[in-house]
C-alpha cells in the first residue's frame, strides 16, 4: 500500500500543459515538475528550433506557466 501512496504523490507533482510557440505559433506540450518549485528554463521549439523560455511559478499544488520568446 505504501508504494501506491508514493506513486499518487508523484503523479500530482507532474502536470502536462499545452502551449503555442511564441515564434511560429505551432502547438506543443510540456510536462511540468511541480516538485522543483519556481523554475525558469529553455526548450527549443520542435518545429522552428528557436529557444522558448518557460517560466513556472508553483507552490507544489497551484501553478502558473508563462511561455515567452527569448528576446521578450
N, C-alpha and C. Protein backbone atom coordinates (compact mmCIF):
# COMPACT_ATOMS: atom_id res chain seq x y z
N UNK A 1 0.80 -1.20 0.00
CA UNK A 1 0.00 0.00 0.00
C UNK A 1 0.84 1.26 0.00
N UNK A 2 1.98 1.25 0.69
CA UNK A 2 2.81 2.44 0.76
C UNK A 2 3.29 2.88 -0.61
N UNK A 3 3.58 1.93 -1.50
CA UNK A 3 4.03 2.26 -2.84
C UNK A 3 2.98 3.02 -3.63
N UNK A 4 1.73 2.63 -3.47
CA UNK A 4 0.67 3.31 -4.20
C UNK A 4 0.53 4.75 -3.77
N UNK A 5 0.65 5.00 -2.47
CA UNK A 5 0.57 6.38 -1.99
C UNK A 5 1.70 7.23 -2.55
N UNK A 6 2.90 6.67 -2.61
CA UNK A 6 4.04 7.38 -3.16
C UNK A 6 3.84 7.70 -4.63
N UNK A 7 3.32 6.74 -5.39
CA UNK A 7 3.07 6.97 -6.81
C UNK A 7 2.01 8.04 -7.00
N UNK A 8 1.01 8.05 -6.15
CA UNK A 8 -0.03 9.07 -6.24
C UNK A 8 0.53 10.46 -6.03
N UNK A 9 1.44 10.59 -5.05
CA UNK A 9 2.07 11.90 -4.81
C UNK A 9 2.91 12.31 -6.01
N UNK A 10 3.62 11.36 -6.61
CA UNK A 10 4.45 11.66 -7.77
C UNK A 10 3.59 12.12 -8.93
N UNK A 11 2.48 11.45 -9.17
CA UNK A 11 1.60 11.82 -10.29
C UNK A 11 1.08 13.24 -10.12
N UNK A 12 0.80 13.66 -8.90
CA UNK A 12 0.29 15.02 -8.67
C UNK A 12 1.38 16.06 -8.87
N UNK A 13 2.64 15.66 -8.82
CA UNK A 13 3.73 16.60 -8.97
C UNK A 13 4.08 16.84 -10.44
N UNK A 14 3.56 16.02 -11.34
CA UNK A 14 3.79 16.19 -12.77
C UNK A 14 2.50 16.64 -13.44
N UNK A 15 2.58 17.71 -14.19
CA UNK A 15 1.43 18.24 -14.92
C UNK A 15 1.82 18.42 -16.39
N UNK A 16 0.89 18.17 -17.25
CA UNK A 16 1.10 18.37 -18.68
C UNK A 16 0.38 19.65 -19.09
N UNK A 17 1.03 20.47 -19.90
CA UNK A 17 0.44 21.74 -20.33
C UNK A 17 0.69 21.96 -21.82
N UNK A 18 -0.37 22.28 -22.54
CA UNK A 18 -0.23 22.63 -23.95
C UNK A 18 0.13 24.11 -24.06
N UNK A 19 0.85 24.46 -25.12
CA UNK A 19 1.23 25.84 -25.36
C UNK A 19 1.40 26.04 -26.86
N UNK A 20 1.48 27.29 -27.28
CA UNK A 20 1.79 27.64 -28.67
C UNK A 20 3.16 28.30 -28.69
N UNK A 21 4.00 27.90 -29.64
CA UNK A 21 5.32 28.50 -29.77
C UNK A 21 5.16 30.01 -29.97
N UNK A 22 5.87 30.83 -29.19
CA UNK A 22 5.76 32.28 -29.33
C UNK A 22 6.40 32.82 -30.61
N UNK A 23 7.12 31.98 -31.34
CA UNK A 23 7.75 32.39 -32.60
C UNK A 23 6.90 31.99 -33.80
N UNK A 24 6.66 30.69 -33.94
CA UNK A 24 5.99 30.19 -35.15
C UNK A 24 4.52 29.83 -34.94
N UNK A 25 4.06 29.81 -33.69
CA UNK A 25 2.66 29.54 -33.40
C UNK A 25 2.27 28.07 -33.37
N UNK A 26 3.21 27.18 -33.62
CA UNK A 26 2.89 25.75 -33.60
C UNK A 26 2.56 25.29 -32.18
N UNK A 27 1.55 24.43 -32.05
CA UNK A 27 1.22 23.92 -30.71
C UNK A 27 2.26 22.92 -30.22
N UNK A 28 2.43 22.88 -28.93
CA UNK A 28 3.34 21.93 -28.30
C UNK A 28 2.80 21.54 -26.94
N UNK A 29 3.50 20.65 -26.29
CA UNK A 29 3.10 20.21 -24.95
C UNK A 29 4.36 20.03 -24.11
N UNK A 30 4.27 20.44 -22.87
CA UNK A 30 5.40 20.33 -21.95
C UNK A 30 4.91 19.65 -20.67
N UNK A 31 5.77 18.82 -20.07
CA UNK A 31 5.48 18.21 -18.78
C UNK A 31 6.20 19.02 -17.71
N UNK A 32 5.45 19.47 -16.73
CA UNK A 32 5.98 20.31 -15.67
C UNK A 32 6.18 19.51 -14.40
N UNK A 33 7.33 19.65 -13.77
CA UNK A 33 7.63 19.00 -12.50
C UNK A 33 7.42 20.03 -11.39
N UNK A 34 6.29 19.94 -10.72
CA UNK A 34 5.94 20.92 -9.69
C UNK A 34 6.76 20.75 -8.42
N UNK A 35 7.44 19.61 -8.27
CA UNK A 35 8.20 19.36 -7.04
C UNK A 35 9.44 20.23 -6.95
N UNK A 36 9.88 20.83 -8.05
CA UNK A 36 11.08 21.64 -8.05
C UNK A 36 10.85 23.10 -7.69
N UNK A 37 9.61 23.47 -7.41
CA UNK A 37 9.32 24.87 -7.08
C UNK A 37 9.37 25.75 -8.32
N UNK A 38 9.56 27.05 -8.11
CA UNK A 38 9.62 28.00 -9.22
C UNK A 38 10.81 27.68 -10.11
N UNK A 39 10.59 27.76 -11.42
CA UNK A 39 11.64 27.42 -12.38
C UNK A 39 11.55 28.31 -13.61
N UNK A 40 12.69 28.67 -14.15
CA UNK A 40 12.81 29.30 -15.47
C UNK A 40 13.72 28.39 -16.28
N UNK A 41 13.27 27.96 -17.45
CA UNK A 41 14.13 27.11 -18.27
C UNK A 41 13.76 27.26 -19.73
N UNK A 42 14.68 26.85 -20.59
CA UNK A 42 14.52 26.94 -22.03
C UNK A 42 14.36 25.56 -22.65
N UNK A 43 13.50 25.49 -23.66
CA UNK A 43 13.41 24.32 -24.54
C UNK A 43 13.26 24.86 -25.95
N UNK A 44 13.86 24.18 -26.91
CA UNK A 44 13.73 24.60 -28.30
C UNK A 44 12.41 24.11 -28.88
N UNK A 45 11.80 24.92 -29.72
CA UNK A 45 10.59 24.53 -30.44
C UNK A 45 10.93 23.34 -31.35
N UNK A 46 10.08 22.34 -31.37
CA UNK A 46 10.31 21.15 -32.20
C UNK A 46 10.17 21.46 -33.68
N UNK A 47 9.51 22.57 -34.03
CA UNK A 47 9.29 22.92 -35.43
C UNK A 47 10.31 23.94 -35.94
N UNK A 48 10.41 25.09 -35.26
CA UNK A 48 11.29 26.15 -35.76
C UNK A 48 12.65 26.18 -35.05
N UNK A 49 12.83 25.38 -34.02
CA UNK A 49 14.10 25.23 -33.29
C UNK A 49 14.55 26.48 -32.54
N UNK A 50 13.67 27.45 -32.36
CA UNK A 50 14.06 28.65 -31.61
C UNK A 50 13.83 28.43 -30.12
N UNK A 51 14.61 29.10 -29.27
CA UNK A 51 14.52 28.86 -27.82
C UNK A 51 13.28 29.51 -27.20
N UNK A 52 12.51 28.69 -26.48
CA UNK A 52 11.32 29.15 -25.78
C UNK A 52 11.65 29.21 -24.30
N UNK A 53 11.32 30.33 -23.66
CA UNK A 53 11.51 30.47 -22.22
C UNK A 53 10.22 30.08 -21.52
N UNK A 54 10.31 29.10 -20.64
CA UNK A 54 9.19 28.67 -19.81
C UNK A 54 9.44 29.21 -18.40
N UNK A 55 8.45 29.93 -17.86
CA UNK A 55 8.53 30.49 -16.52
C UNK A 55 7.43 29.83 -15.70
N UNK A 56 7.81 28.92 -14.81
CA UNK A 56 6.87 28.19 -13.97
C UNK A 56 6.90 28.77 -12.57
N UNK A 57 5.73 29.08 -12.05
CA UNK A 57 5.59 29.53 -10.67
C UNK A 57 4.63 28.55 -10.00
N UNK A 58 5.08 27.98 -8.87
CA UNK A 58 4.27 26.97 -8.19
C UNK A 58 4.55 26.93 -6.70
N UNK A 59 3.55 26.51 -5.96
CA UNK A 59 3.74 26.22 -4.54
C UNK A 59 3.66 24.71 -4.29
N UNK A 60 3.69 23.92 -5.36
CA UNK A 60 3.60 22.47 -5.26
C UNK A 60 2.22 21.94 -5.58
N UNK A 61 1.20 22.78 -5.48
CA UNK A 61 -0.16 22.38 -5.84
C UNK A 61 -0.72 23.30 -6.92
N UNK A 62 -0.76 24.58 -6.65
CA UNK A 62 -1.23 25.56 -7.63
C UNK A 62 -0.03 26.01 -8.46
N UNK A 63 -0.28 26.28 -9.72
CA UNK A 63 0.84 26.68 -10.57
C UNK A 63 0.36 27.54 -11.72
N UNK A 64 1.31 28.27 -12.31
CA UNK A 64 1.08 29.08 -13.49
C UNK A 64 2.29 28.99 -14.39
N UNK A 65 2.06 29.00 -15.69
CA UNK A 65 3.15 28.89 -16.66
C UNK A 65 3.06 30.02 -17.66
N UNK A 66 4.16 30.72 -17.85
CA UNK A 66 4.29 31.72 -18.91
C UNK A 66 5.22 31.15 -19.96
N UNK A 67 4.87 31.37 -21.22
CA UNK A 67 5.69 30.91 -22.35
C UNK A 67 6.10 32.17 -23.12
N UNK A 68 7.41 32.40 -23.22
CA UNK A 68 7.90 33.66 -23.81
C UNK A 68 8.97 33.40 -24.86
N UNK A 69 9.14 34.40 -25.70
CA UNK A 69 10.29 34.42 -26.61
C UNK A 69 11.54 34.73 -25.79
N UNK A 70 12.67 34.30 -26.27
CA UNK A 70 13.93 34.57 -25.57
C UNK A 70 14.20 36.08 -25.52
N UNK A 71 13.79 36.81 -26.55
CA UNK A 71 14.08 38.24 -26.64
C UNK A 71 13.00 39.14 -26.03
N UNK A 72 12.04 38.57 -25.31
CA UNK A 72 11.00 39.38 -24.65
C UNK A 72 11.50 39.97 -23.36
